[in-house]
Amino acid sequence: MAQSAPIAKTGQNFAVVDLGTFSQLHQFTFEASNVPLKLEGKIFLKQLLDLTSAEISVNILLPSQSLPFYHKHRLNEEIYIFIRGQGEFQVDKHVFPVSEGTVVRVDPQGERCIRSTSDVEELCWIVIQSRAGSYPDQTIQDGYAVQKRVSWVGKH
């Protein structure tokens, strides 16, 4: 049975939500508002965490299941990070295997689809979606150290 999204805990500079384990993602169902689409085991995090620079989704496909459609984007590239299972990923006419540790980036106009190729194990992945070309710098150039002792240093 599908459940509503969990409630995030928020503070001045953070938001945190516990989705449970990947095997518990079946409790979530994504339903599109503008087309007849219902996907079990998919949850988007943008609204839950009040994300301002990206969309992130956590996803599963049952063994031998496929997404029922190809899709593209107008502005956003997607990064797929595979956590568990075996599958195939298609971008345009290219089909390649994916499994735990595989990371795939797809340009907005890349026509994409995913399927699980295992008869027993679910295919689990995270998708990060952000505006293509919007981040030309390196992360290390944006971050900086804070001169403060880490609170759990010396504690068990």
N, C-alpha and C. Protein backbone atom coordinates (compact mmCIF):
# COMPACT_ATOMS: atom_id res chain seq x y z
N MET A 1 0.84 -1.19 0.00
CA MET A 1 0.00 0.00 0.00
C MET A 1 0.88 1.24 0.00
N ALA A 2 0.58 2.19 -0.87
CA ALA A 2 1.37 3.42 -0.98
C ALA A 2 1.12 4.32 0.22
N GLN A 3 2.16 4.96 0.65
CA GLN A 3 2.10 5.86 1.79
C GLN A 3 2.41 7.27 1.32
N SER A 4 1.97 8.25 2.09
CA SER A 4 2.36 9.61 1.78
C SER A 4 3.84 9.79 2.13
N ALA A 5 4.42 10.83 1.64
CA ALA A 5 5.84 11.10 1.85
C ALA A 5 6.12 11.32 3.34
N PRO A 6 7.31 10.92 3.78
CA PRO A 6 7.68 11.17 5.18
C PRO A 6 7.84 12.66 5.42
N ILE A 7 7.84 13.04 6.68
CA ILE A 7 8.00 14.45 7.04
C ILE A 7 9.46 14.72 7.36
N ALA A 8 9.98 15.78 6.78
CA ALA A 8 11.37 16.17 7.01
C ALA A 8 11.48 16.97 8.30
N LYS A 9 12.59 16.78 8.96
CA LYS A 9 12.93 17.61 10.13
C LYS A 9 13.81 18.74 9.59
N THR A 10 13.51 19.96 9.98
CA THR A 10 14.27 21.10 9.46
C THR A 10 14.82 21.95 10.59
N GLY A 11 15.91 22.62 10.29
CA GLY A 11 16.51 23.59 11.19
C GLY A 11 16.92 24.80 10.37
N GLN A 12 17.62 25.72 10.97
CA GLN A 12 18.00 26.95 10.28
C GLN A 12 18.81 26.68 9.02
N ASN A 13 19.74 25.72 9.06
CA ASN A 13 20.61 25.47 7.91
C ASN A 13 20.57 24.04 7.42
N PHE A 14 19.46 23.32 7.66
CA PHE A 14 19.42 21.93 7.21
C PHE A 14 17.99 21.41 7.11
N ALA A 15 17.88 20.29 6.42
CA ALA A 15 16.66 19.48 6.39
C ALA A 15 17.11 18.03 6.30
N VAL A 16 16.42 17.14 7.00
CA VAL A 16 16.77 15.72 7.01
C VAL A 16 15.48 14.90 6.97
N VAL A 17 15.52 13.80 6.20
CA VAL A 17 14.37 12.91 6.13
C VAL A 17 14.88 11.47 6.10
N ASP A 18 14.15 10.57 6.74
CA ASP A 18 14.50 9.16 6.74
C ASP A 18 13.51 8.43 5.85
N LEU A 19 14.00 7.90 4.71
CA LEU A 19 13.15 7.17 3.78
C LEU A 19 13.05 5.70 4.12
N GLY A 20 13.91 5.22 5.03
CA GLY A 20 13.98 3.80 5.32
C GLY A 20 14.98 3.16 4.37
N THR A 21 14.99 1.85 4.31
CA THR A 21 15.92 1.13 3.43
C THR A 21 15.37 1.09 2.01
N PHE A 22 16.25 0.73 1.07
CA PHE A 22 15.78 0.60 -0.31
C PHE A 22 14.65 -0.42 -0.41
N SER A 23 14.72 -1.49 0.37
CA SER A 23 13.66 -2.49 0.30
C SER A 23 12.32 -1.96 0.80
N GLN A 24 12.33 -0.83 1.50
CA GLN A 24 11.09 -0.22 1.97
C GLN A 24 10.54 0.84 1.02
N LEU A 25 11.22 1.10 -0.09
CA LEU A 25 10.76 2.13 -1.02
C LEU A 25 9.43 1.78 -1.68
N HIS A 26 9.02 0.52 -1.64
CA HIS A 26 7.73 0.13 -2.22
C HIS A 26 6.57 0.89 -1.59
N GLN A 27 6.78 1.41 -0.38
CA GLN A 27 5.71 2.13 0.30
C GLN A 27 5.40 3.47 -0.38
N PHE A 28 6.30 3.94 -1.24
CA PHE A 28 6.10 5.23 -1.91
C PHE A 28 5.69 5.00 -3.36
N THR A 29 4.76 5.80 -3.82
CA THR A 29 4.32 5.75 -5.22
C THR A 29 4.30 7.17 -5.76
N PHE A 30 4.95 7.35 -6.90
CA PHE A 30 4.93 8.65 -7.57
C PHE A 30 3.81 8.63 -8.60
N GLU A 31 2.97 9.65 -8.57
CA GLU A 31 1.92 9.81 -9.57
C GLU A 31 2.07 11.19 -10.20
N ALA A 32 2.22 11.21 -11.53
CA ALA A 32 2.35 12.48 -12.25
C ALA A 32 1.00 13.18 -12.29
N SER A 33 1.03 14.49 -12.19
CA SER A 33 -0.22 15.26 -12.17
C SER A 33 -0.75 15.55 -13.57
N ASN A 34 0.15 15.56 -14.57
CA ASN A 34 -0.29 15.98 -15.91
C ASN A 34 -0.43 14.83 -16.91
N VAL A 35 0.00 13.62 -16.55
CA VAL A 35 -0.15 12.45 -17.42
C VAL A 35 -0.51 11.24 -16.55
N PRO A 36 -1.17 10.24 -17.14
CA PRO A 36 -1.52 9.05 -16.35
C PRO A 36 -0.30 8.17 -16.10
N LEU A 37 0.46 8.47 -15.05
CA LEU A 37 1.69 7.75 -14.74
C LEU A 37 1.72 7.46 -13.25
N LYS A 38 1.97 6.20 -12.90
CA LYS A 38 2.05 5.78 -11.51
C LYS A 38 3.24 4.83 -11.40
N LEU A 39 4.26 5.22 -10.60
CA LEU A 39 5.47 4.41 -10.43
C LEU A 39 5.66 4.05 -8.97
N GLU A 40 5.61 2.77 -8.67
CA GLU A 40 5.86 2.29 -7.31
C GLU A 40 7.35 2.29 -7.04
N GLY A 41 7.75 2.70 -5.82
CA GLY A 41 9.16 2.66 -5.44
C GLY A 41 9.95 3.86 -5.89
N LYS A 42 9.29 5.00 -6.06
CA LYS A 42 9.98 6.22 -6.49
C LYS A 42 9.52 7.37 -5.59
N ILE A 43 10.50 8.14 -5.11
CA ILE A 43 10.16 9.32 -4.30
C ILE A 43 11.12 10.45 -4.67
N PHE A 44 10.57 11.63 -4.89
CA PHE A 44 11.36 12.83 -5.18
C PHE A 44 11.64 13.57 -3.88
N LEU A 45 12.81 14.20 -3.79
CA LEU A 45 13.23 14.85 -2.55
C LEU A 45 13.21 16.38 -2.59
N LYS A 46 12.98 16.99 -3.75
CA LYS A 46 13.03 18.46 -3.85
C LYS A 46 12.12 19.15 -2.84
N GLN A 47 10.87 18.77 -2.83
CA GLN A 47 9.93 19.42 -1.90
C GLN A 47 10.16 18.97 -0.47
N LEU A 48 10.45 17.69 -0.27
CA LEU A 48 10.67 17.18 1.09
C LEU A 48 11.80 17.93 1.80
N LEU A 49 12.91 18.16 1.07
CA LEU A 49 14.09 18.79 1.68
C LEU A 49 14.22 20.27 1.33
N ASP A 50 13.26 20.81 0.59
CA ASP A 50 13.29 22.21 0.14
C ASP A 50 14.58 22.50 -0.63
N LEU A 51 14.91 21.59 -1.58
CA LEU A 51 16.10 21.77 -2.40
C LEU A 51 15.94 22.99 -3.31
N THR A 52 17.01 23.74 -3.50
CA THR A 52 16.95 24.95 -4.33
C THR A 52 17.83 24.88 -5.57
N SER A 53 18.63 23.83 -5.71
CA SER A 53 19.56 23.78 -6.84
C SER A 53 19.49 22.48 -7.63
N ALA A 54 18.69 21.52 -7.20
CA ALA A 54 18.64 20.23 -7.87
C ALA A 54 17.36 19.50 -7.47
N GLU A 55 17.05 18.47 -8.24
CA GLU A 55 16.02 17.50 -7.86
C GLU A 55 16.73 16.17 -7.66
N ILE A 56 16.37 15.43 -6.66
CA ILE A 56 16.94 14.11 -6.40
C ILE A 56 15.78 13.15 -6.22
N SER A 57 15.90 11.97 -6.84
CA SER A 57 14.90 10.93 -6.60
C SER A 57 15.61 9.65 -6.21
N VAL A 58 14.91 8.84 -5.41
CA VAL A 58 15.39 7.52 -5.00
C VAL A 58 14.41 6.54 -5.62
N ASN A 59 14.97 5.47 -6.27
CA ASN A 59 14.14 4.64 -7.14
C ASN A 59 14.46 3.15 -7.02
N ILE A 60 13.44 2.33 -7.26
CA ILE A 60 13.65 0.89 -7.41
C ILE A 60 12.81 0.37 -8.57
N LEU A 61 13.30 -0.68 -9.18
CA LEU A 61 12.53 -1.45 -10.15
C LEU A 61 12.53 -2.90 -9.67
N LEU A 62 11.39 -3.54 -9.74
CA LEU A 62 11.31 -4.94 -9.38
C LEU A 62 12.11 -5.78 -10.36
N PRO A 63 12.46 -7.01 -9.98
CA PRO A 63 13.19 -7.88 -10.91
C PRO A 63 12.46 -8.00 -12.25
N SER A 64 13.22 -7.95 -13.33
CA SER A 64 12.71 -8.09 -14.71
C SER A 64 11.70 -7.01 -15.11
N GLN A 65 11.67 -5.89 -14.41
CA GLN A 65 10.74 -4.81 -14.72
C GLN A 65 11.47 -3.73 -15.52
N SER A 66 10.71 -2.96 -16.32
CA SER A 66 11.26 -1.85 -17.09
C SER A 66 10.43 -0.60 -16.84
N LEU A 67 11.07 0.56 -16.95
CA LEU A 67 10.27 1.78 -16.99
C LEU A 67 9.43 1.69 -18.27
N PRO A 68 8.19 2.13 -18.25
CA PRO A 68 7.31 1.94 -19.40
C PRO A 68 7.41 3.02 -20.48
N PHE A 69 8.44 3.86 -20.41
CA PHE A 69 8.54 4.97 -21.36
C PHE A 69 9.98 5.45 -21.47
N TYR A 70 10.29 6.11 -22.59
CA TYR A 70 11.54 6.87 -22.74
C TYR A 70 11.22 8.29 -22.30
N HIS A 71 12.26 9.03 -21.87
CA HIS A 71 12.02 10.44 -21.60
C HIS A 71 13.27 11.26 -21.87
N LYS A 72 13.07 12.57 -22.02
CA LYS A 72 14.12 13.57 -22.22
C LYS A 72 13.83 14.71 -21.26
N HIS A 73 14.72 15.71 -21.25
CA HIS A 73 14.48 16.93 -20.47
C HIS A 73 14.71 18.14 -21.36
N ARG A 74 14.15 19.25 -20.97
CA ARG A 74 14.35 20.50 -21.71
C ARG A 74 15.66 21.17 -21.29
N LEU A 75 15.92 21.24 -19.96
CA LEU A 75 17.06 22.00 -19.45
C LEU A 75 18.01 21.20 -18.56
N ASN A 76 17.55 20.12 -17.99
CA ASN A 76 18.31 19.44 -16.94
C ASN A 76 19.04 18.19 -17.42
N GLU A 77 20.30 18.06 -16.96
CA GLU A 77 21.00 16.80 -17.13
C GLU A 77 20.65 15.93 -15.93
N GLU A 78 20.86 14.62 -16.07
CA GLU A 78 20.60 13.71 -14.97
C GLU A 78 21.84 12.86 -14.72
N ILE A 79 22.10 12.59 -13.44
CA ILE A 79 23.18 11.70 -13.02
C ILE A 79 22.51 10.55 -12.29
N TYR A 80 22.72 9.33 -12.79
CA TYR A 80 22.15 8.12 -12.21
C TYR A 80 23.26 7.39 -11.46
N ILE A 81 23.04 7.09 -10.18
CA ILE A 81 24.01 6.38 -9.35
C ILE A 81 23.35 5.06 -8.93
N PHE A 82 23.88 3.95 -9.45
CA PHE A 82 23.28 2.64 -9.19
C PHE A 82 23.85 2.06 -7.90
N ILE A 83 22.94 1.62 -7.02
CA ILE A 83 23.26 1.18 -5.66
C ILE A 83 23.22 -0.35 -5.54
N ARG A 84 22.30 -0.99 -6.24
CA ARG A 84 22.13 -2.43 -6.11
C ARG A 84 21.40 -2.98 -7.33
N GLY A 85 21.66 -4.24 -7.66
CA GLY A 85 20.95 -4.93 -8.73
C GLY A 85 21.72 -4.92 -10.04
N GLN A 86 21.07 -5.44 -11.06
CA GLN A 86 21.63 -5.52 -12.41
C GLN A 86 20.59 -4.99 -13.37
N GLY A 87 21.05 -4.27 -14.39
CA GLY A 87 20.10 -3.77 -15.36
C GLY A 87 20.76 -3.33 -16.64
N GLU A 88 19.95 -2.74 -17.49
CA GLU A 88 20.43 -2.13 -18.73
C GLU A 88 19.89 -0.71 -18.78
N PHE A 89 20.71 0.16 -19.32
CA PHE A 89 20.37 1.58 -19.46
C PHE A 89 20.49 1.90 -20.94
N GLN A 90 19.53 2.62 -21.47
CA GLN A 90 19.59 3.02 -22.88
C GLN A 90 19.59 4.53 -22.97
N VAL A 91 20.53 5.07 -23.74
CA VAL A 91 20.55 6.48 -24.11
C VAL A 91 20.60 6.52 -25.63
N ASP A 92 19.58 7.09 -26.23
CA ASP A 92 19.42 7.10 -27.69
C ASP A 92 19.49 5.65 -28.18
N LYS A 93 20.43 5.30 -29.03
CA LYS A 93 20.53 3.93 -29.55
C LYS A 93 21.56 3.09 -28.81
N HIS A 94 22.16 3.64 -27.75
CA HIS A 94 23.21 2.93 -27.01
C HIS A 94 22.61 2.25 -25.77
N VAL A 95 22.83 0.95 -25.65
CA VAL A 95 22.37 0.16 -24.50
C VAL A 95 23.61 -0.40 -23.81
N PHE A 96 23.69 -0.24 -22.48
CA PHE A 96 24.84 -0.73 -21.75
C PHE A 96 24.41 -1.25 -20.39
N PRO A 97 25.19 -2.19 -19.81
CA PRO A 97 24.83 -2.75 -18.50
C PRO A 97 25.09 -1.76 -17.38
N VAL A 98 24.26 -1.85 -16.31
CA VAL A 98 24.45 -1.06 -15.10
C VAL A 98 24.31 -1.99 -13.90
N SER A 99 25.05 -1.68 -12.85
CA SER A 99 25.00 -2.45 -11.61
C SER A 99 25.56 -1.57 -10.50
N GLU A 100 25.64 -2.12 -9.28
CA GLU A 100 26.16 -1.37 -8.15
C GLU A 100 27.50 -0.72 -8.51
N GLY A 101 27.59 0.59 -8.32
CA GLY A 101 28.81 1.32 -8.62
C GLY A 101 28.81 2.01 -9.97
N THR A 102 27.86 1.70 -10.84
CA THR A 102 27.78 2.37 -12.14
C THR A 102 27.19 3.77 -11.95
N VAL A 103 27.78 4.76 -12.61
CA VAL A 103 27.27 6.13 -12.59
C VAL A 103 27.12 6.58 -14.04
N VAL A 104 25.96 7.12 -14.38
CA VAL A 104 25.66 7.53 -15.75
C VAL A 104 25.21 8.98 -15.74
N ARG A 105 25.78 9.81 -16.64
CA ARG A 105 25.29 11.18 -16.85
C ARG A 105 24.62 11.24 -18.20
N VAL A 106 23.45 11.88 -18.27
CA VAL A 106 22.72 11.99 -19.52
C VAL A 106 22.41 13.46 -19.78
N ASP A 107 22.78 13.94 -20.98
CA ASP A 107 22.44 15.30 -21.40
C ASP A 107 20.92 15.46 -21.47
N PRO A 108 20.42 16.69 -21.39
CA PRO A 108 18.98 16.89 -21.42
C PRO A 108 18.30 16.20 -22.61
N GLN A 109 18.88 16.30 -23.79
CA GLN A 109 18.22 15.76 -24.98
C GLN A 109 18.45 14.27 -25.20
N GLY A 110 19.20 13.62 -24.33
CA GLY A 110 19.37 12.18 -24.45
C GLY A 110 18.08 11.45 -24.14
N GLU A 111 17.66 10.59 -25.04
CA GLU A 111 16.45 9.80 -24.86
C GLU A 111 16.81 8.58 -24.01
N ARG A 112 16.22 8.41 -22.84
CA ARG A 112 16.69 7.42 -21.88
C ARG A 112 15.59 6.50 -21.37
N CYS A 113 16.02 5.30 -20.94
CA CYS A 113 15.14 4.32 -20.32
C CYS A 113 16.00 3.32 -19.56
N ILE A 114 15.40 2.63 -18.57
CA ILE A 114 16.11 1.69 -17.70
C ILE A 114 15.27 0.42 -17.57
N ARG A 115 15.97 -0.72 -17.44
CA ARG A 115 15.27 -1.95 -17.09
C ARG A 115 16.13 -2.80 -16.17
N SER A 116 15.46 -3.57 -15.32
CA SER A 116 16.12 -4.54 -14.44
C SER A 116 16.29 -5.83 -15.23
N THR A 117 17.48 -6.42 -15.19
CA THR A 117 17.72 -7.67 -15.91
C THR A 117 17.83 -8.86 -14.97
N SER A 118 17.70 -8.65 -13.68
CA SER A 118 17.77 -9.74 -12.71
C SER A 118 16.39 -10.37 -12.55
N ASP A 119 16.38 -11.68 -12.34
CA ASP A 119 15.12 -12.38 -12.06
C ASP A 119 14.78 -12.37 -10.57
N VAL A 120 15.75 -11.96 -9.73
CA VAL A 120 15.53 -12.07 -8.28
C VAL A 120 15.77 -10.77 -7.50
N GLU A 121 16.64 -9.90 -7.99
CA GLU A 121 17.03 -8.72 -7.22
C GLU A 121 16.48 -7.44 -7.85
N GLU A 122 16.05 -6.52 -6.99
CA GLU A 122 15.58 -5.22 -7.45
C GLU A 122 16.76 -4.38 -7.95
N LEU A 123 16.49 -3.50 -8.89
CA LEU A 123 17.48 -2.52 -9.35
C LEU A 123 17.21 -1.23 -8.57
N CYS A 124 18.22 -0.73 -7.87
CA CYS A 124 18.06 0.45 -7.01
C CYS A 124 19.03 1.53 -7.46
N TRP A 125 18.55 2.78 -7.54
CA TRP A 125 19.41 3.88 -7.95
C TRP A 125 18.90 5.22 -7.44
N ILE A 126 19.80 6.20 -7.48
CA ILE A 126 19.50 7.58 -7.12
C ILE A 126 19.73 8.42 -8.37
N VAL A 127 18.84 9.37 -8.62
CA VAL A 127 18.99 10.29 -9.75
C VAL A 127 19.14 11.71 -9.20
N ILE A 128 20.16 12.40 -9.68
CA ILE A 128 20.35 13.82 -9.36
C ILE A 128 20.13 14.58 -10.65
N GLN A 129 19.23 15.54 -10.61
CA GLN A 129 18.87 16.31 -11.79
C GLN A 129 19.18 17.78 -11.52
N SER A 130 19.94 18.40 -12.43
CA SER A 130 20.26 19.82 -12.26
C SER A 130 20.40 20.47 -13.63
N ARG A 131 20.36 21.78 -13.63
CA ARG A 131 20.43 22.55 -14.88
C ARG A 131 21.75 22.30 -15.57
N ALA A 132 21.71 21.86 -16.81
CA ALA A 132 22.93 21.59 -17.58
C ALA A 132 23.73 22.88 -17.75
N GLY A 133 25.04 22.79 -17.55
CA GLY A 133 25.93 23.93 -17.74
C GLY A 133 25.87 24.98 -16.66
N SER A 134 25.19 24.70 -15.54
CA SER A 134 25.02 25.74 -14.52
C SER A 134 26.12 25.75 -13.47
N TYR A 135 27.06 24.80 -13.53
CA TYR A 135 28.09 24.73 -12.50
C TYR A 135 29.46 24.57 -13.15
N PRO A 136 30.07 25.67 -13.59
CA PRO A 136 31.35 25.58 -14.30
C PRO A 136 32.57 25.42 -13.38
N ASP A 137 32.43 25.72 -12.09
CA ASP A 137 33.57 25.67 -11.16
C ASP A 137 33.74 24.28 -10.56
N GLN A 138 34.82 24.11 -9.83
CA GLN A 138 35.04 22.87 -9.08
C GLN A 138 34.55 23.07 -7.65
N THR A 139 34.06 21.99 -7.06
CA THR A 139 33.54 22.05 -5.68
C THR A 139 34.56 22.61 -4.71
N ILE A 140 35.80 22.20 -4.85
CA ILE A 140 36.85 22.62 -3.92
C ILE A 140 37.01 24.14 -3.90
N GLN A 141 36.68 24.81 -5.00
CA GLN A 141 36.79 26.26 -5.05
C GLN A 141 35.68 26.95 -4.28
N ASP A 142 34.56 26.27 -4.07
CA ASP A 142 33.44 26.87 -3.36
C ASP A 142 33.52 26.62 -1.85
N GLY A 143 34.06 25.49 -1.43
CA GLY A 143 34.12 25.16 -0.01
C GLY A 143 35.30 25.80 0.69
N TYR A 144 35.20 25.94 2.01
CA TYR A 144 36.32 26.45 2.81
C TYR A 144 36.23 25.88 4.22
N ALA A 145 37.36 25.78 4.87
CA ALA A 145 37.44 25.21 6.22
C ALA A 145 36.93 26.21 7.26
N VAL A 146 36.31 25.68 8.28
CA VAL A 146 35.84 26.47 9.43
C VAL A 146 36.80 26.16 10.57
N GLN A 147 37.35 27.17 11.18
CA GLN A 147 38.31 26.99 12.28
C GLN A 147 37.56 26.68 13.57
N LYS A 148 37.22 25.39 13.73
CA LYS A 148 36.44 24.95 14.88
C LYS A 148 36.74 23.47 15.09
N ARG A 149 36.92 23.07 16.33
CA ARG A 149 37.20 21.66 16.65
C ARG A 149 35.93 20.84 16.39
N VAL A 150 36.10 19.69 15.76
CA VAL A 150 34.96 18.80 15.49
C VAL A 150 34.41 18.29 16.82
N SER A 151 33.10 18.37 16.99
CA SER A 151 32.45 18.11 18.28
C SER A 151 32.62 16.68 18.79
N TRP A 152 32.80 15.70 17.94
CA TRP A 152 32.92 14.31 18.44
C TRP A 152 34.33 13.81 18.51
N VAL A 153 35.31 14.65 18.25
CA VAL A 153 36.71 14.26 18.38
C VAL A 153 36.98 13.92 19.84
N GLY A 154 37.59 12.74 20.09
CA GLY A 154 37.92 12.30 21.45
C GLY A 154 36.77 11.65 22.18
N LYS A 155 35.58 11.56 21.56
CA LYS A 155 34.42 10.89 22.18
C LYS A 155 34.24 9.51 21.55
N HIS A 156 33.63 8.60 22.29
CA HIS A 156 33.39 7.26 21.77
C HIS A 156 32.00 7.12 21.23
